[in-house]
C-alpha atoms as a PDB file:
ATOM      1  CA  MET A   1      82.751 123.797 101.466  1.00  0.00           C
ATOM      2  CA  VAL A   2      80.574 122.171  98.815  1.00  0.00           C
ATOM      3  CA  ASP A   3      78.593 119.108  99.912  1.00  0.00           C
ATOM      4  CA  LEU A   4      78.147 116.774  96.946  1.00  0.00           C
ATOM      5  CA  ARG A   5      76.867 113.736  98.807  1.00  0.00           C
ATOM      6  CA  SER A   6      73.686 113.470  96.727  1.00  0.00           C
ATOM      7  CA  ASP A   7      74.644 109.905  95.791  1.00  0.00           C
ATOM      8  CA  THR A   8      74.049 108.815  99.396  1.00  0.00           C
ATOM      9  CA  LEU A   9      71.342 111.296 100.416  1.00  0.00           C
ATOM     10  CA  THR A  10      68.976 111.362  97.434  1.00  0.00           C
ATOM     11  CA  MET A  11      67.633 109.100  94.701  1.00  0.00           C
ATOM     12  CA  PRO A  12      68.358 109.913  91.015  1.00  0.00           C
ATOM     13  CA  ASP A  13      65.418 111.030  88.885  1.00  0.00           C
ATOM     14  CA  TYR A  14      64.764 109.746  85.356  1.00  0.00           C
ATOM     15  CA  PRO A  15      66.745 112.489  83.532  1.00  0.00           C
ATOM     16  CA  MET A  16      69.735 111.700  85.738  1.00  0.00           C
ATOM     17  CA  LEU A  17      69.433 107.974  85.028  1.00  0.00           C
ATOM     18  CA  GLU A  18      69.168 108.698  81.288  1.00  0.00           C
ATOM     19  CA  THR A  19      72.307 110.830  81.468  1.00  0.00           C
ATOM     20  CA  ILE A  20      74.148 108.033  83.249  1.00  0.00           C
ATOM     21  CA  LEU A  21      73.070 105.452  80.661  1.00  0.00           C
ATOM     22  CA  THR A  22      74.061 107.610  77.693  1.00  0.00           C
ATOM     23  CA  ALA A  23      77.270 109.130  79.073  1.00  0.00           C
ATOM     24  CA  ARG A  24      80.368 108.860  76.901  1.00  0.00           C
ATOM     25  CA  LEU A  25      82.963 106.608  78.496  1.00  0.00           C
ATOM     26  CA  GLY A  26      86.712 106.154  78.268  1.00  0.00           C
ATOM     27  CA  ASP A  27      89.730 104.853  80.137  1.00  0.00           C
ATOM     28  CA  ASP A  28      90.574 107.509  82.718  1.00  0.00           C
ATOM     29  CA  GLY A  29      93.712 105.584  83.603  1.00  0.00           C
ATOM     30  CA  ARG A  30      95.173 106.218  80.158  1.00  0.00           C
ATOM     31  CA  THR A  31      96.397 109.776  79.621  1.00  0.00           C
ATOM     32  CA  ASP A  32      96.877 111.874  76.506  1.00  0.00           C
ATOM     33  CA  ALA A  33      99.790 114.163  75.649  1.00  0.00           C
ATOM     34  CA  LYS A  34      98.475 116.799  78.078  1.00  0.00           C
ATOM     35  CA  GLY A  35      98.259 114.297  80.927  1.00  0.00           C
ATOM     36  CA  ARG A  36      94.470 114.088  80.919  1.00  0.00           C
ATOM     37  CA  GLY A  37      92.514 110.858  81.069  1.00  0.00           C
ATOM     38  CA  GLU A  38      90.602 109.482  78.095  1.00  0.00           C
ATOM     39  CA  ASP A  39      87.173 109.561  79.757  1.00  0.00           C
ATOM     40  CA  PRO A  40      85.408 112.645  78.289  1.00  0.00           C
ATOM     41  CA  THR A  41      82.655 112.679  80.930  1.00  0.00           C
ATOM     42  CA  ILE A  42      85.157 112.802  83.806  1.00  0.00           C
ATOM     43  CA  ASN A  43      87.163 115.482  81.984  1.00  0.00           C
ATOM     44  CA  ARG A  44      84.006 117.583  81.587  1.00  0.00           C
ATOM     45  CA  LEU A  45      83.117 117.146  85.246  1.00  0.00           C
ATOM     46  CA  GLU A  46      86.610 118.177  86.358  1.00  0.00           C
ATOM     47  CA  ASP A  47      86.544 121.248  84.094  1.00  0.00           C
ATOM     48  CA  MET A  48      83.139 122.239  85.479  1.00  0.00           C
ATOM     49  CA  ALA A  49      84.335 121.849  89.086  1.00  0.00           C
ATOM     50  CA  ALA A  50      87.492 123.896  88.454  1.00  0.00           C
ATOM     51  CA  ALA A  51      85.464 126.697  86.854  1.00  0.00           C
ATOM     52  CA  LEU A  52      82.991 126.765  89.756  1.00  0.00           C
ATOM     53  CA  VAL A  53      85.725 127.395  92.361  1.00  0.00           C
ATOM     54  CA  GLY A  54      88.027 129.459  90.159  1.00  0.00           C
ATOM     55  CA  LYS A  55      90.903 126.989  89.994  1.00  0.00           C
ATOM     56  CA  GLU A  56      93.149 125.984  87.110  1.00  0.00           C
ATOM     57  CA  ALA A  57      92.209 122.333  87.317  1.00  0.00           C
ATOM     58  CA  ALA A  58      90.337 119.748  89.351  1.00  0.00           C
ATOM     59  CA  ILE A  59      90.581 116.012  89.926  1.00  0.00           C
ATOM     60  CA  LEU A  60      87.798 113.533  90.630  1.00  0.00           C
ATOM     61  CA  MET A  61      88.211 111.513  93.838  1.00  0.00           C
ATOM     62  CA  PRO A  62      86.256 108.257  93.509  1.00  0.00           C
ATOM     63  CA  THR A  63      85.767 107.889  97.292  1.00  0.00           C
ATOM     64  CA  GLY A  64      85.867 110.026 100.416  1.00  0.00           C
ATOM     65  CA  THR A  65      88.708 107.913 101.763  1.00  0.00           C
ATOM     66  CA  PHE A  66      90.701 108.580  98.587  1.00  0.00           C
ATOM     67  CA  GLY A  67      90.175 112.329  99.051  1.00  0.00           C
ATOM     68  CA  ASN A  68      91.161 112.230 102.738  1.00  0.00           C
ATOM     69  CA  THR A  69      94.333 110.296 101.927  1.00  0.00           C
ATOM     70  CA  ILE A  70      95.377 112.803  99.261  1.00  0.00           C
ATOM     71  CA  ALA A  71      94.692 115.688 101.664  1.00  0.00           C
ATOM     72  CA  VAL A  72      96.801 114.135 104.428  1.00  0.00           C
ATOM     73  CA  MET A  73      99.728 113.399 102.093  1.00  0.00           C
ATOM     74  CA  THR A  74      99.536 116.943 100.707  1.00  0.00           C
ATOM     75  CA  HIS A  75      99.448 118.847 103.983  1.00  0.00           C
ATOM     76  CA  CYS A  76     101.411 116.605 106.369  1.00  0.00           C
ATOM     77  CA  HIS A  77     105.157 116.242 106.405  1.00  0.00           C
ATOM     78  CA  ALA A  78     107.023 113.129 107.550  1.00  0.00           C
ATOM     79  CA  GLY A  79     106.262 112.288 111.168  1.00  0.00           C
ATOM     80  CA  GLN A  80     103.412 114.752 111.610  1.00  0.00           C
ATOM     81  CA  THR A  81     100.303 113.570 113.401  1.00  0.00           C
ATOM     82  CA  VAL A  82      96.802 113.649 111.953  1.00  0.00           C
ATOM     83  CA  LEU A  83      94.181 114.980 114.371  1.00  0.00           C
ATOM     84  CA  VAL A  84      90.492 114.083 114.255  1.00  0.00           C
ATOM     85  CA  ASP A  85      88.285 115.904 116.769  1.00  0.00           C
ATOM     86  CA  GLY A  86      91.405 116.897 118.682  1.00  0.00           C
ATOM     87  CA  LYS A  87      92.702 113.324 119.029  1.00  0.00           C
ATOM     88  CA  ILE A  88      95.602 111.671 117.202  1.00  0.00           C
ATOM     89  CA  ALA A  89      94.203 109.463 114.444  1.00  0.00           C
ATOM     90  CA  GLY A  90      97.449 108.563 112.711  1.00  0.00           C
ATOM     91  CA  ILE A  91     100.892 109.615 111.536  1.00  0.00           C
ATOM     92  CA  SER A  92     101.494 110.388 107.892  1.00  0.00           C
ATOM     93  CA  PRO A  93     103.433 109.776 105.876  1.00  0.00           C
ATOM     94  CA  ILE A  94     105.226 106.979 107.716  1.00  0.00           C
ATOM     95  CA  MET A  95     108.854 106.995 106.570  1.00  0.00           C
ATOM     96  CA  PHE A  96     110.564 104.601 109.005  1.00  0.00           C
ATOM     97  CA  LEU A  97     109.655 101.808 111.431  1.00  0.00           C
ATOM     98  CA  ASN A  98     111.056 101.259 114.924  1.00  0.00           C
ATOM     99  CA  ILE A  99     110.609  97.592 115.844  1.00  0.00           C
ATOM    100  CA  ARG A 100     110.683  96.815 119.564  1.00  0.00           C
ATOM    101  CA  ILE A 101     111.098  93.184 120.604  1.00  0.00           C
ATOM    102  CA  ALA A 102     109.621  92.217 123.975  1.00  0.00           C
ATOM    103  CA  HIS A 103     112.437  89.896 125.014  1.00  0.00           C
ATOM    104  CA  GLU A 104     112.655  88.277 128.418  1.00  0.00           C
ATOM    105  CA  LYS A 105     115.580  87.743 130.751  1.00  0.00           C
ATOM    106  CA  CYS A 106     114.581  85.166 133.330  1.00  0.00           C
ATOM    107  CA  GLY A 107     116.192  85.643 136.734  1.00  0.00           C
ATOM    108  CA  CYS A 108     117.049  89.322 136.416  1.00  0.00           C
ATOM    109  CA  ALA A 109     114.607  90.214 139.221  1.00  0.00           C
ATOM    110  CA  ARG A 110     116.029  87.688 141.701  1.00  0.00           C
ATOM    111  CA  LYS A 111     117.962  90.285 143.731  1.00  0.00           C
ATOM    112  CA  ILE A 112     115.079  92.678 144.297  1.00  0.00           C
ATOM    113  CA  LEU A 113     112.363  90.175 145.230  1.00  0.00           C
ATOM    114  CA  PRO A 114     113.423  89.829 148.915  1.00  0.00           C
ATOM    115  CA  LEU A 115     113.483  93.622 149.203  1.00  0.00           C
ATOM    116  CA  ILE A 116     109.917  94.160 148.019  1.00  0.00           C
ATOM    117  CA  ARG A 117     108.366  91.321 150.027  1.00  0.00           C
ATOM    118  CA  GLN A 118     105.755  92.152 152.662  1.00  0.00           C
ATOM    119  CA  ARG A 119     104.707  88.988 154.461  1.00  0.00           C
ATOM    120  CA  ASP A 120     102.798  86.884 151.888  1.00  0.00           C
ATOM    121  CA  SER A 121     102.635  89.628 149.281  1.00  0.00           C
ATOM    122  CA  ILE A 122     104.713  92.615 148.177  1.00  0.00           C
ATOM    123  CA  TYR A 123     105.010  96.283 149.009  1.00  0.00           C
ATOM    124  CA  ASN A 124     103.505  98.677 146.502  1.00  0.00           C
ATOM    125  CA  THR A 125     106.503  99.112 144.235  1.00  0.00           C
ATOM    126  CA  LEU A 126     107.581 101.441 141.443  1.00  0.00           C
ATOM    127  CA  ILE A 127     110.451 100.676 139.076  1.00  0.00           C
ATOM    128  CA  LEU A 128     111.982 103.876 137.721  1.00  0.00           C
ATOM    129  CA  SER A 129     114.565 104.549 135.033  1.00  0.00           C
ATOM    130  CA  MET A 130     115.360 106.519 131.938  1.00  0.00           C
ATOM    131  CA  PRO A 131     113.996 105.105 128.650  1.00  0.00           C
ATOM    132  CA  GLY A 132     115.900 102.052 127.428  1.00  0.00           C
ATOM    133  CA  ALA A 133     117.397 101.048 130.784  1.00  0.00           C
ATOM    134  CA  GLY A 134     115.372  97.840 131.101  1.00  0.00           C
ATOM    135  CA  LYS A 135     112.566  98.603 133.535  1.00  0.00           C
ATOM    136  CA  THR A 136     110.009  96.660 131.447  1.00  0.00           C
ATOM    137  CA  THR A 137     112.346  93.645 131.392  1.00  0.00           C
ATOM    138  CA  LEU A 138     112.695  93.823 135.180  1.00  0.00           C
ATOM    139  CA  LEU A 139     108.931  94.200 135.571  1.00  0.00           C
ATOM    140  CA  ARG A 140     108.275  91.198 133.334  1.00  0.00           C
ATOM    141  CA  ASP A 141     110.588  88.903 135.299  1.00  0.00           C
ATOM    142  CA  SER A 142     109.171  90.104 138.605  1.00  0.00           C
ATOM    143  CA  ILE A 143     105.692  89.146 137.391  1.00  0.00           C
ATOM    144  CA  ARG A 144     106.897  85.680 136.356  1.00  0.00           C
ATOM    145  CA  ALA A 145     108.641  85.025 139.657  1.00  0.00           C
ATOM    146  CA  LEU A 146     105.741  86.231 141.810  1.00  0.00           C
ATOM    147  CA  SER A 147     103.251  84.199 139.800  1.00  0.00           C
ATOM    148  CA  ASN A 148     105.083  80.874 139.898  1.00  0.00           C
ATOM    149  CA  GLY A 149     106.076  81.098 143.563  1.00  0.00           C
ATOM    150  CA  GLU A 150     109.770  81.409 142.816  1.00  0.00           C
ATOM    151  CA  ALA A 151     110.035  84.442 145.048  1.00  0.00           C
ATOM    152  CA  TYR A 152     108.470  83.377 148.349  1.00  0.00           C
ATOM    153  CA  GLY A 153     107.203  79.835 147.782  1.00  0.00           C
ATOM    154  CA  ILE A 154     103.694  81.244 147.400  1.00  0.00           C
ATOM    155  CA  ARG A 155     102.090  81.625 143.996  1.00  0.00           C
ATOM    156  CA  LEU A 156     100.490  85.049 143.856  1.00  0.00           C
ATOM    157  CA  LYS A 157      97.644  85.990 141.534  1.00  0.00           C
ATOM    158  CA  VAL A 158      99.021  88.665 139.220  1.00  0.00           C
ATOM    159  CA  CYS A 159      96.961  90.639 136.689  1.00  0.00           C
ATOM    160  CA  VAL A 160      98.778  92.549 133.964  1.00  0.00           C
ATOM    161  CA  VAL A 161      97.505  95.466 131.890  1.00  0.00           C
ATOM    162  CA  ASP A 162      99.624  95.190 128.750  1.00  0.00           C
ATOM    163  CA  GLU A 163      98.556  98.266 126.785  1.00  0.00           C
ATOM    164  CA  ARG A 164     101.094  97.909 123.941  1.00  0.00           C
ATOM    165  CA  SER A 165     101.828  94.168 124.200  1.00  0.00           C
ATOM    166  CA  GLU A 166     105.340  94.935 125.407  1.00  0.00           C
ATOM    167  CA  ILE A 167     105.198  92.856 128.587  1.00  0.00           C
ATOM    168  CA  ALA A 168     103.653  89.529 127.575  1.00  0.00           C
ATOM    169  CA  ALA A 169     104.002  89.877 123.779  1.00  0.00           C
ATOM    170  CA  SER A 170     100.662  88.131 123.359  1.00  0.00           C
ATOM    171  CA  PHE A 171      99.654  86.564 120.051  1.00  0.00           C
ATOM    172  CA  HIS A 172      96.009  85.575 119.597  1.00  0.00           C
ATOM    173  CA  GLY A 173      95.561  86.043 123.326  1.00  0.00           C
ATOM    174  CA  VAL A 174      98.456  83.778 124.310  1.00  0.00           C
ATOM    175  CA  PRO A 175     101.528  85.360 126.017  1.00  0.00           C
ATOM    176  CA  GLN A 176     104.712  84.512 124.124  1.00  0.00           C
ATOM    177  CA  ASN A 177     106.843  85.433 127.134  1.00  0.00           C
ATOM    178  CA  ASP A 178     106.792  83.423 130.367  1.00  0.00           C
ATOM    179  CA  MET A 179     104.386  85.282 132.631  1.00  0.00           C
ATOM    180  CA  GLY A 180     103.892  82.533 135.219  1.00  0.00           C
ATOM    181  CA  PRO A 181     100.969  80.133 135.823  1.00  0.00           C
ATOM    182  CA  ARG A 182      98.813  82.505 137.900  1.00  0.00           C
ATOM    183  CA  THR A 183      99.014  85.551 135.641  1.00  0.00           C
ATOM    184  CA  ASP A 184      96.134  87.005 133.647  1.00  0.00           C
ATOM    185  CA  VAL A 185      96.925  89.470 130.868  1.00  0.00           C
ATOM    186  CA  MET A 186      94.686  92.173 129.442  1.00  0.00           C
ATOM    187  CA  ASP A 187      96.302  92.788 126.076  1.00  0.00           C
ATOM    188  CA  GLY A 188      95.883  95.994 124.088  1.00  0.00           C
ATOM    189  CA  CYS A 189      93.797  97.660 126.785  1.00  0.00           C
ATOM    190  CA  GLY A 190      94.355 101.150 128.159  1.00  0.00           C
ATOM    191  CA  LYS A 191      95.992 101.198 131.568  1.00  0.00           C
ATOM    192  CA  ALA A 192      93.295 103.111 133.432  1.00  0.00           C
ATOM    193  CA  GLU A 193      90.402 101.135 131.946  1.00  0.00           C
ATOM    194  CA  GLY A 194      92.260  97.846 132.349  1.00  0.00           C
ATOM    195  CA  MET A 195      93.032  98.364 136.035  1.00  0.00           C
ATOM    196  CA  GLN A 196      89.411  99.194 136.781  1.00  0.00           C
ATOM    197  CA  LEU A 197      88.161  96.111 134.921  1.00  0.00           C
ATOM    198  CA  LEU A 198      90.620  93.843 136.742  1.00  0.00           C
ATOM    199  CA  ILE A 199      89.579  95.162 140.147  1.00  0.00           C
ATOM    200  CA  ARG A 200      85.911  94.531 139.375  1.00  0.00           C
ATOM    201  CA  SER A 201      86.209  91.047 137.931  1.00  0.00           C
ATOM    202  CA  MET A 202      89.545  89.303 138.603  1.00  0.00           C
ATOM    203  CA  SER A 203      90.250  89.860 142.334  1.00  0.00           C
ATOM    204  CA  PRO A 204      93.988  90.399 141.728  1.00  0.00           C
ATOM    205  CA  GLN A 205      96.491  90.206 144.536  1.00  0.00           C
ATOM    206  CA  ILE A 206      98.939  92.211 142.423  1.00  0.00           C
ATOM    207  CA  ILE A 207      98.253  94.528 139.471  1.00  0.00           C
ATOM    208  CA  ALA A 208     101.245  95.045 137.196  1.00  0.00           C
ATOM    209  CA  VAL A 209     101.373  97.909 134.717  1.00  0.00           C
ATOM    210  CA  ASP A 210     104.086  99.478 132.583  1.00  0.00           C
ATOM    211  CA  GLU A 211     104.911 103.169 132.073  1.00  0.00           C
ATOM    212  CA  LEU A 212     102.402 105.068 134.155  1.00  0.00           C
ATOM    213  CA  GLY A 213     102.067 108.620 132.905  1.00  0.00           C
ATOM    214  CA  ALA A 214      98.575 109.970 132.258  1.00  0.00           C
ATOM    215  CA  GLU A 215      96.417 111.522 134.959  1.00  0.00           C
ATOM    216  CA  SER A 216      93.853 108.750 134.468  1.00  0.00           C
ATOM    217  CA  ASP A 217      96.571 106.143 135.150  1.00  0.00           C
ATOM    218  CA  PHE A 218      97.375 107.634 138.547  1.00  0.00           C
ATOM    219  CA  TYR A 219      93.697 107.852 139.476  1.00  0.00           C
ATOM    220  CA  ALA A 220      93.211 104.164 138.596  1.00  0.00           C
ATOM    221  CA  VAL A 221      96.262 103.205 140.665  1.00  0.00           C
ATOM    222  CA  GLU A 222      94.812 104.952 143.706  1.00  0.00           C
ATOM    223  CA  GLN A 223      91.553 103.060 143.190  1.00  0.00           C
ATOM    224  CA  ALA A 224      93.468  99.775 143.084  1.00  0.00           C
ATOM    225  CA  LEU A 225      95.354 100.612 146.272  1.00  0.00           C
ATOM    226  CA  ASN A 226      92.096 101.431 148.039  1.00  0.00           C
ATOM    227  CA  CYS A 227      90.635  98.058 147.010  1.00  0.00           C
ATOM    228  CA  GLY A 228      93.295  95.910 148.659  1.00  0.00           C
ATOM    229  CA  SER A 229      95.387  95.076 145.593  1.00  0.00           C
ATOM    230  CA  ARG A 230      99.121  95.658 145.478  1.00  0.00           C
ATOM    231  CA  VAL A 231     100.564  97.587 142.549  1.00  0.00           C
ATOM    232  CA  LEU A 232     103.812  96.843 140.737  1.00  0.00           C
ATOM    233  CA  GLY A 233     104.489  99.451 138.081  1.00  0.00           C
ATOM    234  CA  THR A 234     107.068 101.383 136.138  1.00  0.00           C
ATOM    235  CA  ILE A 235     107.511 105.054 135.365  1.00  0.00           C
ATOM    236  CA  HIS A 236     110.051 107.270 133.614  1.00  0.00           C
ATOM    237  CA  ALA A 237     112.378 109.055 136.045  1.00  0.00           C
ATOM    238  CA  GLY A 238     116.145 109.240 136.147  1.00  0.00           C
ATOM    239  CA  ASN A 239     116.750 110.309 139.741  1.00  0.00           C
ATOM    240  CA  MET A 240     115.147 111.397 142.993  1.00  0.00           C
ATOM    241  CA  LYS A 241     114.809 115.018 141.869  1.00  0.00           C
ATOM    242  CA  GLU A 242     112.817 114.042 138.785  1.00  0.00           C
ATOM    243  CA  LEU A 243     110.650 111.773 140.917  1.00  0.00           C
ATOM    244  CA  SER A 244     109.703 114.555 143.316  1.00  0.00           C
ATOM    245  CA  GLU A 245     108.946 116.972 140.456  1.00  0.00           C
ATOM    246  CA  LYS A 246     106.132 114.805 139.095  1.00  0.00           C
ATOM    247  CA  PRO A 247     102.940 116.138 140.753  1.00  0.00           C
ATOM    248  CA  TYR A 248     101.189 112.800 141.282  1.00  0.00           C
ATOM    249  CA  LEU A 249     104.326 111.018 142.423  1.00  0.00           C
ATOM    250  CA  LYS A 250     105.053 113.807 144.863  1.00  0.00           C
ATOM    251  CA  ARG A 251     101.587 113.363 146.320  1.00  0.00           C
ATOM    252  CA  TRP A 252     102.071 109.588 146.521  1.00  0.00           C
ATOM    253  CA  MET A 253     105.390 110.082 148.298  1.00  0.00           C
ATOM    254  CA  GLU A 254     103.828 112.462 150.806  1.00  0.00           C
ATOM    255  CA  ARG A 255     101.015 109.973 151.500  1.00  0.00           C
ATOM    256  CA  ARG A 256     103.465 107.028 151.382  1.00  0.00           C
ATOM    257  CA  LEU A 257     101.215 105.019 149.090  1.00  0.00           C
ATOM    258  CA  PHE A 258     104.289 103.260 147.676  1.00  0.00           C
ATOM    259  CA  GLN A 259     106.817 101.689 149.992  1.00  0.00           C
ATOM    260  CA  ARG A 260     109.487 100.610 147.502  1.00  0.00           C
ATOM    261  CA  PHE A 261     111.192 102.590 144.747  1.00  0.00           C
ATOM    262  CA  ILE A 262     113.656 100.770 142.497  1.00  0.00           C
ATOM    263  CA  PHE A 263     115.958 102.998 140.454  1.00  0.00           C
ATOM    264  CA  LEU A 264     117.444 101.197 137.476  1.00  0.00           C
ATOM    265  CA  GLU A 265     120.486 102.559 135.647  1.00  0.00           C
ATOM    266  CA  LYS A 266     122.249 101.251 132.561  1.00  0.00           C
ATOM    267  CA  GLU A 267     126.016 101.476 132.839  1.00  0.00           C
ATOM    268  CA  ALA A 268     128.454 102.018 129.983  1.00  0.00           C
ATOM    269  CA  ASP A 269     129.267  98.303 129.676  1.00  0.00           C
ATOM    270  CA  GLY A 270     125.569  97.389 129.416  1.00  0.00           C
ATOM    271  CA  ARG A 271     125.173  96.094 132.953  1.00  0.00           C
ATOM    272  CA  ARG A 272     122.303  97.342 135.125  1.00  0.00           C
ATOM    273  CA  LYS A 273     122.729  98.922 138.531  1.00  0.00           C
ATOM    274  CA  MET A 274     119.772  98.883 140.917  1.00  0.00           C
ATOM    275  CA  GLN A 275     119.156 101.071 143.941  1.00  0.00           C
ATOM    276  CA  VAL A 276     116.167 100.374 146.200  1.00  0.00           C
ATOM    277  CA  TYR A 277     114.566 102.932 148.547  1.00  0.00           C
ATOM    278  CA  ASP A 278     111.760 102.644 151.090  1.00  0.00           C
ATOM    279  CA  GLU A 279     108.857 105.080 151.616  1.00  0.00           C
ATOM    280  CA  HIS A 280     111.130 107.336 153.679  1.00  0.00           C
ATOM    281  CA  MET A 281     113.565 107.499 150.734  1.00  0.00           C
ATOM    282  CA  GLU A 282     116.173 105.612 152.734  1.00  0.00           C
ATOM    283  CA  ARG A 283     118.456 103.306 150.787  1.00  0.00           C
ATOM    284  CA  ILE A 284     117.952  99.551 151.166  1.00  0.00           C
ATOM    285  CA  THR A 285     120.867  97.262 150.399  1.00  0.00           C
ATOM    286  CA  CYS A 286     120.445  95.432 147.109  1.00  0.00           C
END
């Protein structure tokens, strides 16, 4: 690798400045019959660079960002991720967009609210389903109802970690969906970090979070449960077998940290079927 960052690491001497002032110029955007630009100085530089590395030709990249972009588009196919220091930094090239609308359906949680009630609060509850079955919609309406007192006549203080803005659909910090009057939303914040911040500063009665999955998420949930907050969350699982095969969920079930499990299923006609279980995995009538 050749490091040519002298423009940012060193100062030009007088011969270099004289060369810059007397260099022949041209329009590099205009090409001749061979496809080369009209700037003779750039052409000479490209020829010199190609000869140094034994290549047929070279091209001048005006910025490092320009060079990185060309490299990504050259080596990455559609949908491939770009890694920087082992972490995903982007996807390139982007060929299609999938637009998800965080719509609300007020009242859809009415049936389950009596089943998750524990005195003046709720049981620690997980909503489980396959992707696209509506667990986020059910979570959103549960938050609204618990916050405005619709459920038990008591307005509960709910704090939401909305990592991808799918629950509240906040715009400039203002939820566009009805989240209830006693709900605080942390928008665009990672689930684990958000739960820890809420515990330290917001004294939540209920912490609501969507799509638990990473190891750090489960650790943060356990911290919340040990601090007196109730947790209302969602997770991907289609049935009891899948639930027990997830290592952290299996441990939670053995310790009975969660007392309500709501399985949500989308039927062929679009309607949702809900099945509610207690910590002993016994069915509760819904």
